[in-house]
Amino acid sequence: MTQAYAKHVGGLPPTARAAFALGMREMLPGVPAMAAWSLVTGVAMAKSALSLGEAMGLSLIAYAGAAQLAALPLLVVGAPVAVTIMSALMVNLRFVIYSAAVAPSLRTLPMRQRLLLGYLISDMGFVFYMRREPQLRDSPMRAWYFAGLGVIVFFVWHAASLVGLFASAVIPERWGLDFVGTLVLLALLVPMLATRPSQVGAVVAALLSLSLAGLPFKLGLVVSIVAGISAAVLVDRRARRIA
């Protein structure tokens, strides 16, 4: 079956249904990590001052664990709405980079499809898609493959988040779910540090986030993210000029 797939353009099956199913299957190895991180997020929301409806709404609207966790303490302490939204947006700035990376193979799709795929993009979905991206640009089934990756992430994320919301009271502290979530983030971070711009950006952001940790409303996080991205962009531009 795999050899037959490889004969098609971009290495994808010739039908939308088969390409969608392939994306779902290839995402399966990432399900345990996604479920663990989503469970952590669900537990954190349940232990906050948010009602069940508010927590579920935040999960559906934001659909981003890191942004949800960044917004939670600000919502609890009653921080200004603008600060809360800005903090969540800063944490999610990486998705702008993801979108720019997948744009060459998806920019020719209709706007409606691009908006839907943009909502479904995720850290793991991006990693899995980029493994094939150079070969997918000529495949008419690339959008269905991308959707298959994204749908698995979507349903696993929300299912595990709901489990965390409803089971937070009975999940023992000794399980150390917060540590599992940290390991998941590290597993996502390490492959992204393969280039010099990303390494410089990560170092700048890390140093600033530590030195500015005392700022109110998590503003130090916002500043460190902007500075890290700016540093990475500058290093990348300089490298392009030299080349």
C-alpha atoms as a PDB file:
ATOM      1  CA  MET A   1       0.000   0.000   0.000  1.00  0.00           C
ATOM      2  CA  THR A   2       2.767   2.449   0.904  1.00  0.00           C
ATOM      3  CA  GLN A   3       4.587   1.795  -2.368  1.00  0.00           C
ATOM      4  CA  ALA A   4       1.376   2.407  -4.278  1.00  0.00           C
ATOM      5  CA  TYR A   5       0.872   5.711  -2.471  1.00  0.00           C
ATOM      6  CA  ALA A   6       4.407   6.791  -3.344  1.00  0.00           C
ATOM      7  CA  LYS A   7       3.568   6.509  -7.058  1.00  0.00           C
ATOM      8  CA  HIS A   8       1.032   9.301  -6.790  1.00  0.00           C
ATOM      9  CA  VAL A   9       1.885  12.983  -7.020  1.00  0.00           C
ATOM     10  CA  GLY A  10       3.367  14.168  -3.740  1.00  0.00           C
ATOM     11  CA  GLY A  11       3.291  10.645  -2.361  1.00  0.00           C
ATOM     12  CA  LEU A  12      -0.408  11.017  -1.450  1.00  0.00           C
ATOM     13  CA  PRO A  13      -3.351   8.763  -2.366  1.00  0.00           C
ATOM     14  CA  PRO A  14      -5.380   9.807  -5.420  1.00  0.00           C
ATOM     15  CA  THR A  15      -8.675  10.411  -3.578  1.00  0.00           C
ATOM     16  CA  ALA A  16      -9.681  12.946  -0.927  1.00  0.00           C
ATOM     17  CA  ARG A  17     -10.973  10.261   1.416  1.00  0.00           C
ATOM     18  CA  ALA A  18      -7.755   8.242   1.241  1.00  0.00           C
ATOM     19  CA  ALA A  19      -5.525  11.310   1.715  1.00  0.00           C
ATOM     20  CA  PHE A  20      -7.628  12.407   4.696  1.00  0.00           C
ATOM     21  CA  ALA A  21      -7.352   8.929   6.227  1.00  0.00           C
ATOM     22  CA  LEU A  22      -3.589   8.898   5.652  1.00  0.00           C
ATOM     23  CA  GLY A  23      -3.231  12.162   7.537  1.00  0.00           C
ATOM     24  CA  MET A  24      -5.223  10.761  10.449  1.00  0.00           C
ATOM     25  CA  ARG A  25      -3.140   7.586  10.561  1.00  0.00           C
ATOM     26  CA  GLU A  26       0.178   9.430  10.438  1.00  0.00           C
ATOM     27  CA  MET A  27      -0.889  11.627  13.360  1.00  0.00           C
ATOM     28  CA  LEU A  28      -1.684   8.656  15.614  1.00  0.00           C
ATOM     29  CA  PRO A  29       1.858   8.436  17.118  1.00  0.00           C
ATOM     30  CA  GLY A  30       1.404  11.945  18.492  1.00  0.00           C
ATOM     31  CA  VAL A  31      -1.936  11.199  20.185  1.00  0.00           C
ATOM     32  CA  PRO A  32      -0.562  10.199  23.632  1.00  0.00           C
ATOM     33  CA  ALA A  33       1.479  13.410  23.961  1.00  0.00           C
ATOM     34  CA  MET A  34      -1.424  15.556  22.777  1.00  0.00           C
ATOM     35  CA  ALA A  35      -3.827  13.862  25.177  1.00  0.00           C
ATOM     36  CA  ALA A  36      -1.466  14.370  28.123  1.00  0.00           C
ATOM     37  CA  TRP A  37      -0.986  18.067  27.429  1.00  0.00           C
ATOM     38  CA  SER A  38      -4.715  18.593  26.841  1.00  0.00           C
ATOM     39  CA  LEU A  39      -5.528  16.765  30.071  1.00  0.00           C
ATOM     40  CA  VAL A  40      -3.179  19.098  31.946  1.00  0.00           C
ATOM     41  CA  THR A  41      -4.897  22.108  30.373  1.00  0.00           C
ATOM     42  CA  GLY A  42      -8.334  20.776  31.267  1.00  0.00           C
ATOM     43  CA  VAL A  43      -7.319  20.209  34.892  1.00  0.00           C
ATOM     44  CA  ALA A  44      -5.834  23.712  35.094  1.00  0.00           C
ATOM     45  CA  MET A  45      -9.044  25.259  33.775  1.00  0.00           C
ATOM     46  CA  ALA A  46     -11.155  23.217  36.187  1.00  0.00           C
ATOM     47  CA  LYS A  47      -9.077  24.387  39.156  1.00  0.00           C
ATOM     48  CA  SER A  48      -9.372  28.043  38.126  1.00  0.00           C
ATOM     49  CA  ALA A  49     -12.269  30.372  38.868  1.00  0.00           C
ATOM     50  CA  LEU A  50     -13.864  29.712  35.468  1.00  0.00           C
ATOM     51  CA  SER A  51     -17.239  28.004  35.258  1.00  0.00           C
ATOM     52  CA  LEU A  52     -17.584  24.821  33.230  1.00  0.00           C
ATOM     53  CA  GLY A  53     -19.218  26.718  30.362  1.00  0.00           C
ATOM     54  CA  GLU A  54     -16.523  29.393  30.375  1.00  0.00           C
ATOM     55  CA  ALA A  55     -13.759  26.781  30.398  1.00  0.00           C
ATOM     56  CA  MET A  56     -15.305  24.871  27.497  1.00  0.00           C
ATOM     57  CA  GLY A  57     -15.846  28.103  25.568  1.00  0.00           C
ATOM     58  CA  LEU A  58     -12.237  29.162  26.110  1.00  0.00           C
ATOM     59  CA  SER A  59     -11.028  25.796  24.868  1.00  0.00           C
ATOM     60  CA  LEU A  60     -13.112  26.000  21.680  1.00  0.00           C
ATOM     61  CA  ILE A  61     -12.376  29.642  20.900  1.00  0.00           C
ATOM     62  CA  ALA A  62      -8.691  29.748  21.793  1.00  0.00           C
ATOM     63  CA  TYR A  63      -7.926  26.129  20.811  1.00  0.00           C
ATOM     64  CA  ALA A  64      -4.353  26.484  22.054  1.00  0.00           C
ATOM     65  CA  GLY A  65      -3.098  25.012  25.297  1.00  0.00           C
ATOM     66  CA  ALA A  66      -0.241  27.422  25.862  1.00  0.00           C
ATOM     67  CA  ALA A  67      -2.469  30.452  25.190  1.00  0.00           C
ATOM     68  CA  GLN A  68      -5.180  29.084  27.464  1.00  0.00           C
ATOM     69  CA  LEU A  69      -2.715  28.563  30.299  1.00  0.00           C
ATOM     70  CA  ALA A  70      -1.277  32.037  29.754  1.00  0.00           C
ATOM     71  CA  ALA A  71      -4.734  33.607  29.875  1.00  0.00           C
ATOM     72  CA  LEU A  72      -6.034  31.661  32.879  1.00  0.00           C
ATOM     73  CA  PRO A  73      -4.137  33.465  35.675  1.00  0.00           C
ATOM     74  CA  LEU A  74      -4.953  36.818  34.094  1.00  0.00           C
ATOM     75  CA  LEU A  75      -8.651  35.952  33.975  1.00  0.00           C
ATOM     76  CA  VAL A  76      -8.571  34.790  37.587  1.00  0.00           C
ATOM     77  CA  VAL A  77      -7.002  38.019  38.920  1.00  0.00           C
ATOM     78  CA  GLY A  78      -9.262  40.194  36.790  1.00  0.00           C
ATOM     79  CA  ALA A  79      -6.585  41.626  34.537  1.00  0.00           C
ATOM     80  CA  PRO A  80      -7.723  44.035  31.812  1.00  0.00           C
ATOM     81  CA  VAL A  81      -9.277  42.226  28.876  1.00  0.00           C
ATOM     82  CA  ALA A  82      -6.833  43.842  26.451  1.00  0.00           C
ATOM     83  CA  VAL A  83      -3.850  42.524  28.445  1.00  0.00           C
ATOM     84  CA  THR A  84      -5.336  39.024  28.585  1.00  0.00           C
ATOM     85  CA  ILE A  85      -6.027  38.944  24.849  1.00  0.00           C
ATOM     86  CA  MET A  86      -2.614  40.375  24.018  1.00  0.00           C
ATOM     87  CA  SER A  87      -0.860  37.791  26.207  1.00  0.00           C
ATOM     88  CA  ALA A  88      -2.709  34.951  24.494  1.00  0.00           C
ATOM     89  CA  LEU A  89      -1.898  36.397  21.071  1.00  0.00           C
ATOM     90  CA  MET A  90       1.787  36.742  21.935  1.00  0.00           C
ATOM     91  CA  VAL A  91       1.969  33.124  23.067  1.00  0.00           C
ATOM     92  CA  ASN A  92       0.322  32.096  19.801  1.00  0.00           C
ATOM     93  CA  LEU A  93       2.586  34.143  17.543  1.00  0.00           C
ATOM     94  CA  ARG A  94       4.342  30.939  16.558  1.00  0.00           C
ATOM     95  CA  PHE A  95       1.284  30.086  14.481  1.00  0.00           C
ATOM     96  CA  VAL A  96       2.042  33.065  12.260  1.00  0.00           C
ATOM     97  CA  ILE A  97       5.386  31.416  11.543  1.00  0.00           C
ATOM     98  CA  TYR A  98       3.661  28.083  10.960  1.00  0.00           C
ATOM     99  CA  SER A  99       1.232  29.713   8.519  1.00  0.00           C
ATOM    100  CA  ALA A 100       4.061  31.338   6.596  1.00  0.00           C
ATOM    101  CA  ALA A 101       5.823  27.977   6.337  1.00  0.00           C
ATOM    102  CA  VAL A 102       2.809  26.084   4.943  1.00  0.00           C
ATOM    103  CA  ALA A 103       1.705  28.965   2.688  1.00  0.00           C
ATOM    104  CA  PRO A 104       3.715  27.876  -0.384  1.00  0.00           C
ATOM    105  CA  SER A 105       1.725  24.654  -0.665  1.00  0.00           C
ATOM    106  CA  LEU A 106      -1.688  25.976   0.439  1.00  0.00           C
ATOM    107  CA  ARG A 107      -1.935  29.569  -0.841  1.00  0.00           C
ATOM    108  CA  THR A 108      -3.714  28.529  -4.042  1.00  0.00           C
ATOM    109  CA  LEU A 109      -6.648  27.024  -2.142  1.00  0.00           C
ATOM    110  CA  PRO A 110      -9.941  28.943  -1.857  1.00  0.00           C
ATOM    111  CA  MET A 111     -10.166  31.355   1.084  1.00  0.00           C
ATOM    112  CA  ARG A 112     -12.817  29.259   2.853  1.00  0.00           C
ATOM    113  CA  GLN A 113     -10.577  26.201   2.859  1.00  0.00           C
ATOM    114  CA  ARG A 114      -7.570  28.186   4.056  1.00  0.00           C
ATOM    115  CA  LEU A 115      -9.554  29.651   6.958  1.00  0.00           C
ATOM    116  CA  LEU A 116     -10.703  26.193   8.035  1.00  0.00           C
ATOM    117  CA  LEU A 117      -7.213  24.710   7.754  1.00  0.00           C
ATOM    118  CA  GLY A 118      -5.832  27.718   9.624  1.00  0.00           C
ATOM    119  CA  TYR A 119      -8.121  26.944  12.553  1.00  0.00           C
ATOM    120  CA  LEU A 120      -7.010  23.303  12.535  1.00  0.00           C
ATOM    121  CA  ILE A 121      -3.266  24.014  12.482  1.00  0.00           C
ATOM    122  CA  SER A 122      -1.401  22.789  15.568  1.00  0.00           C
ATOM    123  CA  ASP A 123       2.160  22.260  16.752  1.00  0.00           C
ATOM    124  CA  MET A 124       2.202  18.560  15.961  1.00  0.00           C
ATOM    125  CA  GLY A 125       0.131  18.931  12.813  1.00  0.00           C
ATOM    126  CA  PHE A 126       2.650  21.463  11.550  1.00  0.00           C
ATOM    127  CA  VAL A 127       5.602  19.180  12.302  1.00  0.00           C
ATOM    128  CA  PHE A 128       4.011  16.203  10.562  1.00  0.00           C
ATOM    129  CA  TYR A 129       2.910  18.243   7.544  1.00  0.00           C
ATOM    130  CA  MET A 130       6.306  19.878   7.038  1.00  0.00           C
ATOM    131  CA  ARG A 131       7.915  16.454   6.764  1.00  0.00           C
ATOM    132  CA  ARG A 132       6.117  16.081   3.443  1.00  0.00           C
ATOM    133  CA  GLU A 133       5.621  19.723   2.460  1.00  0.00           C
ATOM    134  CA  PRO A 134       8.287  19.971  -0.294  1.00  0.00           C
ATOM    135  CA  GLN A 135       6.651  17.047  -2.132  1.00  0.00           C
ATOM    136  CA  LEU A 136       3.039  18.119  -1.463  1.00  0.00           C
ATOM    137  CA  ARG A 137       2.981  21.375  -3.426  1.00  0.00           C
ATOM    138  CA  ASP A 138       1.943  19.587  -6.634  1.00  0.00           C
ATOM    139  CA  SER A 139      -0.534  17.204  -5.016  1.00  0.00           C
ATOM    140  CA  PRO A 140      -4.246  18.040  -5.435  1.00  0.00           C
ATOM    141  CA  MET A 141      -4.927  16.094  -2.217  1.00  0.00           C
ATOM    142  CA  ARG A 142      -2.641  18.137   0.034  1.00  0.00           C
ATOM    143  CA  ALA A 143      -5.522  20.001   1.707  1.00  0.00           C
ATOM    144  CA  TRP A 144      -7.244  16.730   2.615  1.00  0.00           C
ATOM    145  CA  TYR A 145      -4.031  15.323   4.052  1.00  0.00           C
ATOM    146  CA  PHE A 146      -3.579  18.500   6.120  1.00  0.00           C
ATOM    147  CA  ALA A 147      -7.194  18.266   7.273  1.00  0.00           C
ATOM    148  CA  GLY A 148      -6.688  14.648   8.340  1.00  0.00           C
ATOM    149  CA  LEU A 149      -3.776  15.673  10.525  1.00  0.00           C
ATOM    150  CA  GLY A 150      -5.761  18.546  12.002  1.00  0.00           C
ATOM    151  CA  VAL A 151      -9.002  16.694  12.703  1.00  0.00           C
ATOM    152  CA  ILE A 152      -7.240  14.063  14.807  1.00  0.00           C
ATOM    153  CA  VAL A 153      -5.590  16.791  16.873  1.00  0.00           C
ATOM    154  CA  PHE A 154      -8.897  18.665  17.231  1.00  0.00           C
ATOM    155  CA  PHE A 155     -10.920  15.748  18.554  1.00  0.00           C
ATOM    156  CA  VAL A 156      -8.181  14.321  20.772  1.00  0.00           C
ATOM    157  CA  TRP A 157      -7.490  17.757  22.236  1.00  0.00           C
ATOM    158  CA  HIS A 158     -11.099  18.521  23.127  1.00  0.00           C
ATOM    159  CA  ALA A 159     -11.859  15.006  24.349  1.00  0.00           C
ATOM    160  CA  ALA A 160      -8.862  14.969  26.703  1.00  0.00           C
ATOM    161  CA  SER A 161      -9.591  18.541  27.794  1.00  0.00           C
ATOM    162  CA  LEU A 162     -13.135  17.540  28.766  1.00  0.00           C
ATOM    163  CA  VAL A 163     -11.769  14.580  30.717  1.00  0.00           C
ATOM    164  CA  GLY A 164      -9.482  16.964  32.593  1.00  0.00           C
ATOM    165  CA  LEU A 165     -12.374  19.337  33.310  1.00  0.00           C
ATOM    166  CA  PHE A 166     -14.661  16.659  34.695  1.00  0.00           C
ATOM    167  CA  ALA A 167     -12.052  14.456  36.396  1.00  0.00           C
ATOM    168  CA  SER A 168      -9.844  17.137  37.956  1.00  0.00           C
ATOM    169  CA  ALA A 169     -11.225  16.451  41.441  1.00  0.00           C
ATOM    170  CA  VAL A 170     -10.273  12.773  41.355  1.00  0.00           C
ATOM    171  CA  ILE A 171      -6.903  12.952  39.554  1.00  0.00           C
ATOM    172  CA  PRO A 172      -4.182  12.456  42.213  1.00  0.00           C
ATOM    173  CA  GLU A 173      -1.479  15.117  42.487  1.00  0.00           C
ATOM    174  CA  ARG A 174       1.167  12.368  42.513  1.00  0.00           C
ATOM    175  CA  TRP A 175       0.453  11.673  38.848  1.00  0.00           C
ATOM    176  CA  GLY A 176       2.542  14.736  38.064  1.00  0.00           C
ATOM    177  CA  LEU A 177       0.554  15.731  34.992  1.00  0.00           C
ATOM    178  CA  ASP A 178       2.093  19.190  34.994  1.00  0.00           C
ATOM    179  CA  PHE A 179       5.509  17.576  34.512  1.00  0.00           C
ATOM    180  CA  VAL A 180       4.142  15.474  31.647  1.00  0.00           C
ATOM    181  CA  GLY A 181       2.900  18.669  29.996  1.00  0.00           C
ATOM    182  CA  THR A 182       6.349  20.211  30.354  1.00  0.00           C
ATOM    183  CA  LEU A 183       7.928  17.189  28.692  1.00  0.00           C
ATOM    184  CA  VAL A 184       5.459  17.477  25.815  1.00  0.00           C
ATOM    185  CA  LEU A 185       6.408  21.115  25.281  1.00  0.00           C
ATOM    186  CA  LEU A 186      10.093  20.215  25.325  1.00  0.00           C
ATOM    187  CA  ALA A 187       9.490  17.483  22.763  1.00  0.00           C
ATOM    188  CA  LEU A 188       7.879  20.080  20.499  1.00  0.00           C
ATOM    189  CA  LEU A 189      10.530  22.713  21.147  1.00  0.00           C
ATOM    190  CA  VAL A 190      13.689  20.719  20.450  1.00  0.00           C
ATOM    191  CA  PRO A 191      12.980  19.961  16.738  1.00  0.00           C
ATOM    192  CA  MET A 192      12.263  23.657  16.179  1.00  0.00           C
ATOM    193  CA  LEU A 193      15.764  24.643  17.296  1.00  0.00           C
ATOM    194  CA  ALA A 194      17.511  23.215  14.253  1.00  0.00           C
ATOM    195  CA  THR A 195      18.462  26.588  12.758  1.00  0.00           C
ATOM    196  CA  ARG A 196      20.593  29.444  14.088  1.00  0.00           C
ATOM    197  CA  PRO A 197      17.761  32.068  13.979  1.00  0.00           C
ATOM    198  CA  SER A 198      15.483  29.853  16.066  1.00  0.00           C
ATOM    199  CA  GLN A 199      18.290  29.165  18.542  1.00  0.00           C
ATOM    200  CA  VAL A 200      19.065  32.867  18.966  1.00  0.00           C
ATOM    201  CA  GLY A 201      15.381  33.701  19.336  1.00  0.00           C
ATOM    202  CA  ALA A 202      14.891  31.001  21.962  1.00  0.00           C
ATOM    203  CA  VAL A 203      17.885  32.171  24.015  1.00  0.00           C
ATOM    204  CA  VAL A 204      16.806  35.824  23.914  1.00  0.00           C
ATOM    205  CA  ALA A 205      13.230  34.966  24.865  1.00  0.00           C
ATOM    206  CA  ALA A 206      14.332  32.646  27.677  1.00  0.00           C
ATOM    207  CA  LEU A 207      16.732  35.146  29.235  1.00  0.00           C
ATOM    208  CA  LEU A 208      14.238  37.994  29.070  1.00  0.00           C
ATOM    209  CA  SER A 209      11.366  35.896  30.443  1.00  0.00           C
ATOM    210  CA  LEU A 210      13.487  35.035  33.484  1.00  0.00           C
ATOM    211  CA  SER A 211      14.679  38.583  34.086  1.00  0.00           C
ATOM    212  CA  LEU A 212      11.208  40.106  33.602  1.00  0.00           C
ATOM    213  CA  ALA A 213       9.256  37.465  35.510  1.00  0.00           C
ATOM    214  CA  GLY A 214       8.284  39.995  38.176  1.00  0.00           C
ATOM    215  CA  LEU A 215       6.286  42.254  35.859  1.00  0.00           C
ATOM    216  CA  PRO A 216       2.517  42.302  36.508  1.00  0.00           C
ATOM    217  CA  PHE A 217      -0.049  40.579  34.289  1.00  0.00           C
ATOM    218  CA  LYS A 218       2.630  38.393  32.697  1.00  0.00           C
ATOM    219  CA  LEU A 219       3.864  41.348  30.648  1.00  0.00           C
ATOM    220  CA  GLY A 220       7.386  39.959  30.860  1.00  0.00           C
ATOM    221  CA  LEU A 221       6.209  37.003  28.771  1.00  0.00           C
ATOM    222  CA  VAL A 222       4.849  39.327  26.097  1.00  0.00           C
ATOM    223  CA  VAL A 223       8.069  41.352  25.951  1.00  0.00           C
ATOM    224  CA  SER A 224      10.260  38.235  25.816  1.00  0.00           C
ATOM    225  CA  ILE A 225       8.245  36.694  22.977  1.00  0.00           C
ATOM    226  CA  VAL A 226       8.367  39.849  20.869  1.00  0.00           C
ATOM    227  CA  ALA A 227      12.094  40.242  21.533  1.00  0.00           C
ATOM    228  CA  GLY A 228      12.802  36.590  20.729  1.00  0.00           C
ATOM    229  CA  ILE A 229      10.935  36.713  17.425  1.00  0.00           C
ATOM    230  CA  SER A 230      12.609  40.013  16.515  1.00  0.00           C
ATOM    231  CA  ALA A 231      16.044  38.571  17.250  1.00  0.00           C
ATOM    232  CA  ALA A 232      15.333  35.494  15.138  1.00  0.00           C
ATOM    233  CA  VAL A 233      14.129  37.619  12.219  1.00  0.00           C
ATOM    234  CA  LEU A 234      17.206  39.862  12.376  1.00  0.00           C
ATOM    235  CA  VAL A 235      19.576  36.893  12.430  1.00  0.00           C
ATOM    236  CA  ASP A 236      17.732  35.291   9.523  1.00  0.00           C
ATOM    237  CA  ARG A 237      17.880  38.489   7.439  1.00  0.00           C
ATOM    238  CA  ARG A 238      21.561  38.907   8.138  1.00  0.00           C
ATOM    239  CA  ALA A 239      22.263  35.329   7.123  1.00  0.00           C
ATOM    240  CA  ARG A 240      20.349  35.854   3.862  1.00  0.00           C
ATOM    241  CA  ARG A 241      22.344  39.004   3.041  1.00  0.00           C
ATOM    242  CA  ILE A 242      25.633  37.217   3.682  1.00  0.00           C
ATOM    243  CA  ALA A 243      24.546  34.274   1.534  1.00  0.00           C
END
